[in-house]
């Protein structure tokens, strides 16, 4: 949260304006609690987080063909 200035990276809302959550861009390091996991996270407001997960899955984003997942 502090790395992103306590703001949603999509709409810019702050924690005073909305509930902020940590979103994993990929789940490769989920639960490891290390810097790779932290670097994989972005700050989103709850509304943008829900909107993201309601979109059709972009299979390339989560695939090993995407260099960020290697």
N, C-alpha and C. Protein backbone atom coordinates (compact mmCIF):
# COMPACT_ATOMS: atom_id res chain seq x y z
N UNK A 1 0.82 -1.20 0.00
CA UNK A 1 0.00 0.00 0.00
C UNK A 1 0.86 1.26 0.00
N UNK A 2 1.89 1.26 0.82
CA UNK A 2 2.74 2.46 0.89
C UNK A 2 3.48 2.68 -0.42
N UNK A 3 3.90 1.60 -1.10
CA UNK A 3 4.60 1.75 -2.37
C UNK A 3 3.73 2.47 -3.39
N UNK A 4 2.41 2.21 -3.36
CA UNK A 4 1.48 2.84 -4.31
C UNK A 4 0.87 4.12 -3.76
N UNK A 5 1.44 4.66 -2.69
CA UNK A 5 0.96 5.93 -2.13
C UNK A 5 -0.40 5.83 -1.48
N UNK A 6 -0.77 4.65 -1.02
CA UNK A 6 -2.09 4.42 -0.41
C UNK A 6 -3.21 4.91 -1.32
N UNK A 7 -3.04 4.63 -2.64
CA UNK A 7 -4.04 5.00 -3.64
C UNK A 7 -4.26 3.83 -4.59
N UNK A 8 -5.47 3.73 -5.12
CA UNK A 8 -5.78 2.75 -6.15
C UNK A 8 -5.00 3.12 -7.41
N UNK A 9 -4.28 2.15 -7.99
CA UNK A 9 -3.47 2.45 -9.17
C UNK A 9 -4.33 2.66 -10.42
N UNK A 10 -5.61 2.31 -10.36
CA UNK A 10 -6.51 2.50 -11.50
C UNK A 10 -7.20 3.86 -11.45
N UNK A 11 -7.87 4.15 -10.33
CA UNK A 11 -8.69 5.37 -10.27
C UNK A 11 -8.12 6.45 -9.37
N UNK A 12 -7.13 6.11 -8.53
CA UNK A 12 -6.50 7.10 -7.67
C UNK A 12 -7.20 7.36 -6.35
N UNK A 13 -8.29 6.63 -6.08
CA UNK A 13 -8.97 6.83 -4.79
C UNK A 13 -8.06 6.45 -3.64
N UNK A 14 -8.18 7.18 -2.54
CA UNK A 14 -7.37 6.94 -1.35
C UNK A 14 -8.14 6.09 -0.36
N UNK A 15 -7.46 5.71 0.71
CA UNK A 15 -8.12 4.90 1.74
C UNK A 15 -9.19 5.70 2.49
N UNK A 16 -9.17 7.02 2.40
CA UNK A 16 -10.23 7.84 2.99
C UNK A 16 -11.50 7.80 2.14
N UNK A 17 -11.34 7.48 0.84
CA UNK A 17 -12.45 7.49 -0.10
C UNK A 17 -13.01 6.10 -0.41
N UNK A 18 -12.22 5.07 -0.18
CA UNK A 18 -12.64 3.71 -0.55
C UNK A 18 -11.83 2.69 0.23
N UNK A 19 -12.32 1.47 0.25
CA UNK A 19 -11.57 0.36 0.84
C UNK A 19 -10.51 -0.06 -0.16
N UNK A 20 -9.26 -0.10 0.27
CA UNK A 20 -8.16 -0.51 -0.60
C UNK A 20 -7.77 -1.95 -0.31
N UNK A 21 -7.42 -2.68 -1.37
CA UNK A 21 -7.01 -4.07 -1.23
C UNK A 21 -5.73 -4.30 -2.01
N UNK A 22 -5.04 -5.36 -1.65
CA UNK A 22 -3.82 -5.78 -2.34
C UNK A 22 -4.21 -6.83 -3.37
N UNK A 23 -3.92 -6.58 -4.64
CA UNK A 23 -4.27 -7.51 -5.71
C UNK A 23 -3.02 -8.15 -6.28
N UNK A 24 -3.01 -9.48 -6.36
CA UNK A 24 -1.90 -10.20 -6.99
C UNK A 24 -2.11 -10.19 -8.50
N UNK A 25 -1.12 -9.72 -9.24
CA UNK A 25 -1.22 -9.73 -10.70
C UNK A 25 -1.08 -11.13 -11.24
N UNK A 26 -0.29 -11.97 -10.62
CA UNK A 26 -0.27 -13.41 -10.91
C UNK A 26 -0.15 -14.10 -9.56
N UNK A 27 -0.38 -15.40 -9.53
CA UNK A 27 -0.43 -16.09 -8.24
C UNK A 27 0.78 -17.00 -8.04
N UNK A 28 1.82 -16.78 -8.80
CA UNK A 28 3.00 -17.63 -8.75
C UNK A 28 3.65 -17.63 -7.36
N UNK A 29 3.67 -16.49 -6.67
CA UNK A 29 4.34 -16.38 -5.38
C UNK A 29 3.36 -16.26 -4.21
N UNK A 30 2.11 -16.54 -4.43
CA UNK A 30 1.08 -16.38 -3.40
C UNK A 30 1.44 -17.16 -2.14
N UNK A 31 1.41 -16.46 -1.03
CA UNK A 31 1.65 -17.08 0.26
C UNK A 31 3.11 -17.21 0.66
N UNK A 32 4.03 -16.84 -0.22
CA UNK A 32 5.45 -16.97 0.11
C UNK A 32 5.92 -15.88 1.06
N UNK A 33 5.25 -14.72 1.05
CA UNK A 33 5.61 -13.64 1.96
C UNK A 33 6.98 -13.04 1.69
N UNK A 34 7.48 -13.17 0.48
CA UNK A 34 8.81 -12.62 0.16
C UNK A 34 8.68 -11.41 -0.77
N UNK A 35 9.81 -10.84 -1.17
CA UNK A 35 9.77 -9.64 -2.01
C UNK A 35 9.16 -9.92 -3.37
N UNK A 36 9.31 -11.13 -3.90
CA UNK A 36 8.71 -11.45 -5.19
C UNK A 36 7.18 -11.34 -5.09
N UNK A 37 6.64 -11.79 -3.97
CA UNK A 37 5.18 -11.69 -3.79
C UNK A 37 4.77 -10.23 -3.67
N UNK A 38 5.50 -9.45 -2.92
CA UNK A 38 5.18 -8.03 -2.74
C UNK A 38 5.26 -7.29 -4.07
N UNK A 39 6.30 -7.57 -4.85
CA UNK A 39 6.45 -6.90 -6.15
C UNK A 39 5.34 -7.30 -7.12
N UNK A 40 4.72 -8.44 -6.90
CA UNK A 40 3.64 -8.92 -7.76
C UNK A 40 2.31 -8.26 -7.42
N UNK A 41 2.23 -7.53 -6.32
CA UNK A 41 0.98 -6.94 -5.85
C UNK A 41 0.83 -5.49 -6.29
N UNK A 42 -0.43 -5.10 -6.47
CA UNK A 42 -0.76 -3.70 -6.72
C UNK A 42 -1.93 -3.33 -5.82
N UNK A 43 -2.07 -2.03 -5.55
CA UNK A 43 -3.15 -1.54 -4.73
C UNK A 43 -4.34 -1.19 -5.60
N UNK A 44 -5.49 -1.74 -5.27
CA UNK A 44 -6.73 -1.44 -5.98
C UNK A 44 -7.81 -1.09 -4.97
N UNK A 45 -8.75 -0.24 -5.36
CA UNK A 45 -9.93 -0.03 -4.51
C UNK A 45 -10.82 -1.25 -4.70
N UNK A 46 -11.72 -1.47 -3.77
CA UNK A 46 -12.58 -2.65 -3.83
C UNK A 46 -13.38 -2.70 -5.12
N UNK A 47 -13.87 -1.55 -5.59
CA UNK A 47 -14.68 -1.52 -6.82
C UNK A 47 -13.86 -1.95 -8.03
N UNK A 48 -12.64 -1.42 -8.17
CA UNK A 48 -11.81 -1.80 -9.31
C UNK A 48 -11.33 -3.24 -9.20
N UNK A 49 -11.12 -3.72 -7.98
CA UNK A 49 -10.72 -5.11 -7.78
C UNK A 49 -11.85 -6.05 -8.23
N UNK A 50 -13.07 -5.76 -7.82
CA UNK A 50 -14.21 -6.57 -8.24
C UNK A 50 -14.40 -6.50 -9.75
N UNK A 51 -14.25 -5.31 -10.34
CA UNK A 51 -14.40 -5.15 -11.79
C UNK A 51 -13.35 -5.99 -12.52
N UNK A 52 -12.14 -6.00 -12.02
CA UNK A 52 -11.07 -6.79 -12.65
C UNK A 52 -11.43 -8.27 -12.66
N UNK A 53 -11.91 -8.78 -11.55
CA UNK A 53 -12.20 -10.21 -11.45
C UNK A 53 -13.48 -10.60 -12.19
N UNK A 54 -14.29 -9.65 -12.57
CA UNK A 54 -15.50 -9.96 -13.34
C UNK A 54 -15.23 -10.00 -14.84
N UNK A 55 -14.06 -9.57 -15.27
CA UNK A 55 -13.70 -9.60 -16.68
C UNK A 55 -13.38 -11.03 -17.09
N UNK A 56 -13.55 -11.33 -18.38
CA UNK A 56 -13.12 -12.67 -18.84
C UNK A 56 -11.62 -12.84 -18.57
N UNK A 57 -11.22 -14.04 -18.25
CA UNK A 57 -9.81 -14.31 -17.93
C UNK A 57 -8.95 -14.14 -19.17
N UNK A 58 -7.90 -13.37 -19.04
CA UNK A 58 -6.90 -13.23 -20.08
C UNK A 58 -5.87 -14.33 -19.85
N UNK A 59 -6.01 -15.42 -20.59
CA UNK A 59 -5.17 -16.60 -20.34
C UNK A 59 -3.68 -16.30 -20.53
N UNK A 60 -3.32 -15.41 -21.46
CA UNK A 60 -1.92 -15.08 -21.66
C UNK A 60 -1.34 -14.44 -20.41
N UNK A 61 -2.08 -13.56 -19.76
CA UNK A 61 -1.59 -12.85 -18.57
C UNK A 61 -1.14 -13.84 -17.50
N UNK A 62 -1.88 -14.95 -17.35
CA UNK A 62 -1.58 -15.93 -16.31
C UNK A 62 -0.73 -17.10 -16.81
N UNK A 63 -0.35 -17.08 -18.09
CA UNK A 63 0.38 -18.22 -18.65
C UNK A 63 1.89 -18.06 -18.47
N UNK A 64 2.61 -19.15 -18.66
CA UNK A 64 4.07 -19.11 -18.58
C UNK A 64 4.67 -18.46 -19.83
N UNK A 65 3.87 -18.21 -20.87
CA UNK A 65 4.33 -17.48 -22.04
C UNK A 65 4.57 -16.00 -21.73
N UNK A 66 3.93 -15.51 -20.70
CA UNK A 66 4.11 -14.13 -20.26
C UNK A 66 5.41 -14.10 -19.45
N UNK A 67 6.41 -13.33 -19.90
CA UNK A 67 7.73 -13.33 -19.23
C UNK A 67 7.68 -13.01 -17.74
N UNK A 68 6.71 -12.25 -17.29
CA UNK A 68 6.65 -11.88 -15.87
C UNK A 68 6.29 -13.05 -14.98
N UNK A 69 5.82 -14.17 -15.56
CA UNK A 69 5.45 -15.33 -14.77
C UNK A 69 6.55 -16.38 -14.72
N UNK A 70 7.70 -16.09 -15.28
CA UNK A 70 8.82 -17.05 -15.26
C UNK A 70 9.77 -16.78 -14.11
